[in-house]
Structure formats: C-alpha cells, structure tokens
N, C-alpha and C. Protein backbone atom coordinates (compact mmCIF):
# COMPACT_ATOMS: atom_id res chain seq x y z
N MET A 1 96.50 105.72 84.06
CA MET A 1 95.39 106.14 84.89
C MET A 1 95.75 105.90 86.35
N ASP A 2 95.57 106.91 87.19
CA ASP A 2 95.87 106.78 88.62
C ASP A 2 94.80 105.94 89.30
N ARG A 3 95.17 105.37 90.45
CA ARG A 3 94.27 104.51 91.21
C ARG A 3 93.81 105.24 92.47
N LEU A 4 92.49 105.30 92.65
CA LEU A 4 91.93 105.80 93.90
C LEU A 4 92.08 104.70 94.93
N HIS A 5 92.87 104.93 95.95
CA HIS A 5 93.19 103.90 96.94
C HIS A 5 92.12 103.79 98.02
N HIS A 6 91.76 104.94 98.62
CA HIS A 6 90.73 104.91 99.65
C HIS A 6 90.09 106.28 99.82
N VAL A 7 88.97 106.25 100.50
CA VAL A 7 88.28 107.45 100.95
C VAL A 7 88.30 107.38 102.47
N ALA A 8 88.58 108.50 103.13
CA ALA A 8 88.64 108.53 104.59
C ALA A 8 87.51 109.39 105.13
N ILE A 9 86.78 108.83 106.11
CA ILE A 9 85.71 109.57 106.77
C ILE A 9 86.01 109.63 108.26
N VAL A 10 85.54 110.69 108.90
CA VAL A 10 85.76 110.89 110.33
C VAL A 10 84.64 110.20 111.11
N VAL A 11 85.04 109.45 112.13
CA VAL A 11 84.09 108.78 113.02
C VAL A 11 84.50 109.07 114.47
N PRO A 12 83.55 109.05 115.42
CA PRO A 12 83.91 109.35 116.80
C PRO A 12 84.68 108.23 117.50
N GLU A 13 84.45 106.98 117.07
CA GLU A 13 85.13 105.84 117.68
C GLU A 13 85.40 104.79 116.61
N VAL A 14 86.66 104.51 116.37
CA VAL A 14 87.06 103.61 115.29
C VAL A 14 86.53 102.20 115.48
N ALA A 15 86.69 101.62 116.65
CA ALA A 15 86.28 100.23 116.87
C ALA A 15 84.78 100.05 116.64
N ALA A 16 83.98 100.97 117.16
CA ALA A 16 82.52 100.88 116.98
C ALA A 16 82.15 101.04 115.51
N ALA A 17 82.79 101.97 114.83
CA ALA A 17 82.49 102.19 113.41
C ALA A 17 82.92 100.98 112.57
N ALA A 18 84.09 100.42 112.86
CA ALA A 18 84.55 99.24 112.12
C ALA A 18 83.59 98.08 112.33
N ALA A 19 83.13 97.90 113.56
CA ALA A 19 82.17 96.83 113.86
C ALA A 19 80.86 97.05 113.11
N TRP A 20 80.42 98.29 113.03
CA TRP A 20 79.18 98.61 112.31
C TRP A 20 79.30 98.24 110.84
N TYR A 21 80.39 98.64 110.21
CA TYR A 21 80.58 98.33 108.78
C TYR A 21 80.74 96.83 108.57
N ARG A 22 81.46 96.16 109.45
CA ARG A 22 81.66 94.72 109.31
C ARG A 22 80.33 93.96 109.44
N ALA A 23 79.46 94.40 110.35
CA ALA A 23 78.18 93.73 110.57
C ALA A 23 77.20 93.91 109.41
N ARG A 24 77.36 94.98 108.65
CA ARG A 24 76.39 95.30 107.61
C ARG A 24 76.86 95.05 106.18
N PHE A 25 78.15 95.02 105.98
CA PHE A 25 78.69 94.93 104.63
C PHE A 25 79.79 93.87 104.58
N GLY A 26 80.04 93.36 103.39
CA GLY A 26 81.12 92.39 103.22
C GLY A 26 82.45 93.09 103.12
N VAL A 27 83.04 93.41 104.26
CA VAL A 27 84.33 94.11 104.28
C VAL A 27 85.36 93.25 105.00
N GLU A 28 86.60 93.49 104.65
CA GLU A 28 87.73 92.89 105.35
C GLU A 28 88.45 94.01 106.08
N ILE A 29 88.79 93.81 107.33
CA ILE A 29 89.54 94.82 108.07
C ILE A 29 91.02 94.57 107.82
N ILE A 30 91.64 95.51 107.12
CA ILE A 30 93.05 95.40 106.74
C ILE A 30 93.94 95.86 107.88
N TYR A 31 93.53 96.94 108.55
CA TYR A 31 94.29 97.49 109.68
C TYR A 31 93.31 98.17 110.61
N GLU A 32 93.58 98.07 111.90
CA GLU A 32 92.75 98.77 112.88
C GLU A 32 93.56 99.06 114.13
N ASP A 33 93.47 100.29 114.62
CA ASP A 33 93.97 100.64 115.94
C ASP A 33 93.00 101.67 116.52
N ALA A 34 93.37 102.33 117.57
CA ALA A 34 92.43 103.23 118.25
C ALA A 34 92.12 104.50 117.46
N THR A 35 93.00 104.88 116.51
CA THR A 35 92.80 106.15 115.81
C THR A 35 92.40 106.02 114.35
N TRP A 36 92.55 104.82 113.78
CA TRP A 36 92.08 104.65 112.40
C TRP A 36 92.02 103.18 112.02
N ALA A 37 91.20 102.93 111.02
CA ALA A 37 91.06 101.57 110.48
C ALA A 37 90.95 101.66 108.97
N LEU A 38 91.39 100.59 108.31
CA LEU A 38 91.26 100.51 106.86
C LEU A 38 90.41 99.28 106.54
N LEU A 39 89.27 99.52 105.90
CA LEU A 39 88.33 98.46 105.55
C LEU A 39 88.36 98.25 104.05
N ARG A 40 88.44 97.02 103.62
CA ARG A 40 88.50 96.71 102.19
C ARG A 40 87.15 96.26 101.68
N PHE A 41 86.64 96.98 100.71
CA PHE A 41 85.48 96.58 99.92
C PHE A 41 86.03 95.96 98.64
N ALA A 42 85.18 95.41 97.80
CA ALA A 42 85.64 94.76 96.57
C ALA A 42 86.33 95.75 95.63
N ASN A 43 85.90 97.00 95.62
CA ASN A 43 86.41 97.94 94.63
C ASN A 43 87.21 99.12 95.19
N ILE A 44 87.21 99.31 96.50
CA ILE A 44 87.93 100.44 97.09
C ILE A 44 88.06 100.20 98.59
N ASP A 45 88.99 100.87 99.22
CA ASP A 45 89.14 100.81 100.67
C ASP A 45 88.48 102.04 101.30
N LEU A 46 88.03 101.86 102.54
CA LEU A 46 87.44 102.94 103.32
C LEU A 46 88.26 103.08 104.59
N ALA A 47 88.76 104.28 104.84
CA ALA A 47 89.49 104.56 106.08
C ALA A 47 88.55 105.23 107.06
N LEU A 48 88.59 104.77 108.29
CA LEU A 48 87.85 105.39 109.39
C LEU A 48 88.86 106.10 110.26
N VAL A 49 88.70 107.40 110.44
CA VAL A 49 89.68 108.19 111.20
C VAL A 49 88.97 108.98 112.29
N VAL A 50 89.69 109.25 113.37
CA VAL A 50 89.12 110.05 114.46
C VAL A 50 89.45 111.52 114.24
N PRO A 51 88.61 112.41 114.76
CA PRO A 51 88.88 113.84 114.60
C PRO A 51 90.25 114.21 115.15
N GLY A 52 90.95 115.07 114.45
CA GLY A 52 92.25 115.55 114.90
C GLY A 52 93.43 114.70 114.50
N GLN A 53 93.24 113.46 114.10
CA GLN A 53 94.34 112.60 113.68
C GLN A 53 94.61 112.73 112.19
N HIS A 54 93.58 112.59 111.40
CA HIS A 54 93.67 112.69 109.95
C HIS A 54 92.46 113.46 109.46
N PRO A 55 92.61 114.26 108.44
CA PRO A 55 91.43 114.94 107.89
C PRO A 55 90.64 113.98 107.01
N PRO A 56 89.35 114.24 106.81
CA PRO A 56 88.64 113.48 105.79
C PRO A 56 89.32 113.76 104.45
N HIS A 57 89.50 112.71 103.64
CA HIS A 57 90.25 112.90 102.40
C HIS A 57 89.99 111.76 101.42
N ILE A 58 90.50 111.93 100.21
CA ILE A 58 90.61 110.82 99.27
C ILE A 58 92.10 110.58 99.05
N ALA A 59 92.44 109.31 98.84
CA ALA A 59 93.85 108.95 98.65
C ALA A 59 94.04 108.39 97.25
N ILE A 60 95.04 108.89 96.58
CA ILE A 60 95.36 108.49 95.20
C ILE A 60 96.78 107.93 95.19
N GLU A 61 96.94 106.78 94.56
CA GLU A 61 98.28 106.17 94.42
C GLU A 61 98.96 106.72 93.17
N ARG A 62 100.23 107.07 93.33
CA ARG A 62 101.03 107.53 92.19
C ARG A 62 102.46 107.02 92.34
N PRO A 63 103.09 106.62 91.24
CA PRO A 63 104.48 106.18 91.32
C PRO A 63 105.44 107.33 91.63
N ASP A 64 105.01 108.56 91.37
CA ASP A 64 105.85 109.73 91.59
C ASP A 64 105.34 110.57 92.76
N ALA A 65 104.79 109.93 93.79
CA ALA A 65 104.18 110.65 94.91
C ALA A 65 105.14 111.67 95.52
N ALA A 66 106.42 111.38 95.55
CA ALA A 66 107.39 112.29 96.16
C ALA A 66 107.47 113.63 95.41
N CYS A 67 107.00 113.68 94.19
CA CYS A 67 106.98 114.95 93.44
C CYS A 67 106.01 115.95 94.06
N TYR A 68 105.10 115.48 94.90
CA TYR A 68 104.10 116.34 95.52
C TYR A 68 104.55 116.87 96.88
N GLY A 69 105.69 116.41 97.35
CA GLY A 69 106.21 116.85 98.64
C GLY A 69 106.91 115.70 99.34
N ARG A 70 107.40 115.99 100.52
CA ARG A 70 108.14 114.98 101.30
C ARG A 70 107.18 113.90 101.79
N LEU A 71 107.48 112.65 101.46
CA LEU A 71 106.64 111.54 101.87
C LEU A 71 106.85 111.24 103.35
N LYS A 72 105.76 110.98 104.04
CA LYS A 72 105.82 110.61 105.44
C LYS A 72 105.49 109.12 105.54
N PRO A 73 106.36 108.33 106.16
CA PRO A 73 106.04 106.91 106.35
C PRO A 73 104.95 106.76 107.41
N HIS A 74 104.06 105.81 107.19
CA HIS A 74 102.96 105.56 108.12
C HIS A 74 103.13 104.20 108.79
N ARG A 75 102.47 104.02 109.91
CA ARG A 75 102.61 102.79 110.70
C ARG A 75 102.11 101.54 109.98
N ASP A 76 101.35 101.70 108.90
CA ASP A 76 100.85 100.53 108.17
C ASP A 76 101.75 100.13 107.01
N GLY A 77 102.91 100.80 106.87
CA GLY A 77 103.84 100.45 105.81
C GLY A 77 103.74 101.31 104.57
N THR A 78 102.75 102.20 104.51
CA THR A 78 102.61 103.08 103.36
C THR A 78 103.39 104.37 103.60
N ALA A 79 103.49 105.19 102.56
CA ALA A 79 104.11 106.52 102.67
C ALA A 79 103.33 107.46 101.78
N SER A 80 103.13 108.69 102.27
CA SER A 80 102.32 109.62 101.49
C SER A 80 102.59 111.05 101.90
N VAL A 81 101.97 111.94 101.14
CA VAL A 81 101.98 113.37 101.45
C VAL A 81 100.55 113.87 101.24
N TYR A 82 100.14 114.80 102.10
CA TYR A 82 98.81 115.40 101.99
C TYR A 82 98.93 116.74 101.28
N ILE A 83 98.02 116.99 100.35
CA ILE A 83 97.94 118.27 99.67
C ILE A 83 96.47 118.69 99.65
N ASP A 84 96.21 119.94 99.34
CA ASP A 84 94.85 120.42 99.15
C ASP A 84 94.63 120.65 97.67
N ASP A 85 93.44 120.28 97.20
CA ASP A 85 93.11 120.63 95.81
C ASP A 85 92.73 122.11 95.78
N SER A 86 92.45 122.64 94.62
CA SER A 86 92.16 124.07 94.51
C SER A 86 90.81 124.45 95.09
N PHE A 87 90.06 123.47 95.62
CA PHE A 87 88.74 123.73 96.20
C PHE A 87 88.73 123.51 97.71
N GLY A 88 89.91 123.22 98.31
CA GLY A 88 90.03 123.03 99.74
C GLY A 88 89.85 121.60 100.22
N ASN A 89 89.69 120.64 99.31
CA ASN A 89 89.60 119.24 99.70
C ASN A 89 90.98 118.66 99.92
N VAL A 90 91.10 117.78 100.91
CA VAL A 90 92.38 117.16 101.21
C VAL A 90 92.55 115.92 100.35
N ILE A 91 93.72 115.84 99.71
CA ILE A 91 94.08 114.70 98.88
C ILE A 91 95.36 114.10 99.46
N GLU A 92 95.33 112.81 99.70
CA GLU A 92 96.53 112.10 100.13
C GLU A 92 97.14 111.46 98.90
N ILE A 93 98.38 111.80 98.61
CA ILE A 93 99.09 111.19 97.48
C ILE A 93 99.98 110.10 98.07
N MET A 94 99.63 108.84 97.75
CA MET A 94 100.34 107.68 98.30
C MET A 94 101.35 107.15 97.30
N GLN A 95 102.50 106.73 97.80
CA GLN A 95 103.49 106.09 96.94
C GLN A 95 102.93 104.75 96.47
N ALA A 96 102.80 104.58 95.18
CA ALA A 96 102.29 103.33 94.62
C ALA A 96 103.26 102.19 94.88
N GLY A 97 102.71 101.01 95.09
CA GLY A 97 103.51 99.81 95.22
C GLY A 97 103.92 99.43 96.63
N LEU A 98 103.64 100.28 97.62
CA LEU A 98 103.97 99.93 98.99
C LEU A 98 102.81 99.15 99.61
N PRO A 99 103.10 98.04 100.26
CA PRO A 99 102.01 97.22 100.83
C PRO A 99 101.44 97.85 102.09
N VAL A 100 100.16 97.61 102.31
CA VAL A 100 99.54 97.99 103.57
C VAL A 100 99.87 96.92 104.57
N GLY A 101 100.19 97.32 105.80
CA GLY A 101 100.63 96.39 106.83
C GLY A 101 99.57 95.49 107.39
N ARG A 102 99.88 94.91 108.50
CA ARG A 102 99.09 93.86 109.12
C ARG A 102 97.70 94.33 109.52
N ALA A 103 96.77 93.42 109.56
CA ALA A 103 95.47 93.67 110.13
C ALA A 103 95.56 93.53 111.64
N ALA A 104 94.75 94.28 112.32
CA ALA A 104 94.78 94.23 113.79
C ALA A 104 93.95 93.06 114.30
C-alpha cells in the first residue's frame, strides 16, 4: 500500500499561514522558507506553497518513483516528479525513504 505523504495548498504568504496553523493546531514545522513550508500533523503532512512555485497537489511516496519520470532533487532532501492524473489533478510522486531536511 502506498503512503500519502502530504497535501499541498496554495497560500499568499507562507510565514503567516504557518503561524496561523501553529497557533490553532498541534503541528510541528518540519521545514519553512519564503516559498513553502511543511507542517506535520499526527497522520499526514501539510505543505503550504505560494502561487507560481508549486501547484496544489497530493504527494505519494513510492519506492519506484523514478518509473514515473526523471526525479528532481528538492532543497529539503527529497526527490520527486510531478504528474497529472487523468482528471487534471497534480500528483507528486516522491522517492520513498528519503528524509525531509531541517526545520527552519
């Protein structure tokens, strides 16, 4: 069974959105910079992204992620490829087993 790693939503300002979620919910900030943040809930991560940097998407971990296309390394230590499902939704296929980098 594949693992749903995170859901990404678009926000106008990452720092303000991360602060909002932190003030209201029990989240841990795994990574944060000016263009995106990764917030950890008990059962899933939530990515906050700015318009134009990353599309809203769901991310799925797979050990064979490279079968979906050329993996792009990311600044947080992960690697993935973006694909569209047959309905136009963006799916990020992440290489399973790679750690997420430092928290900001």
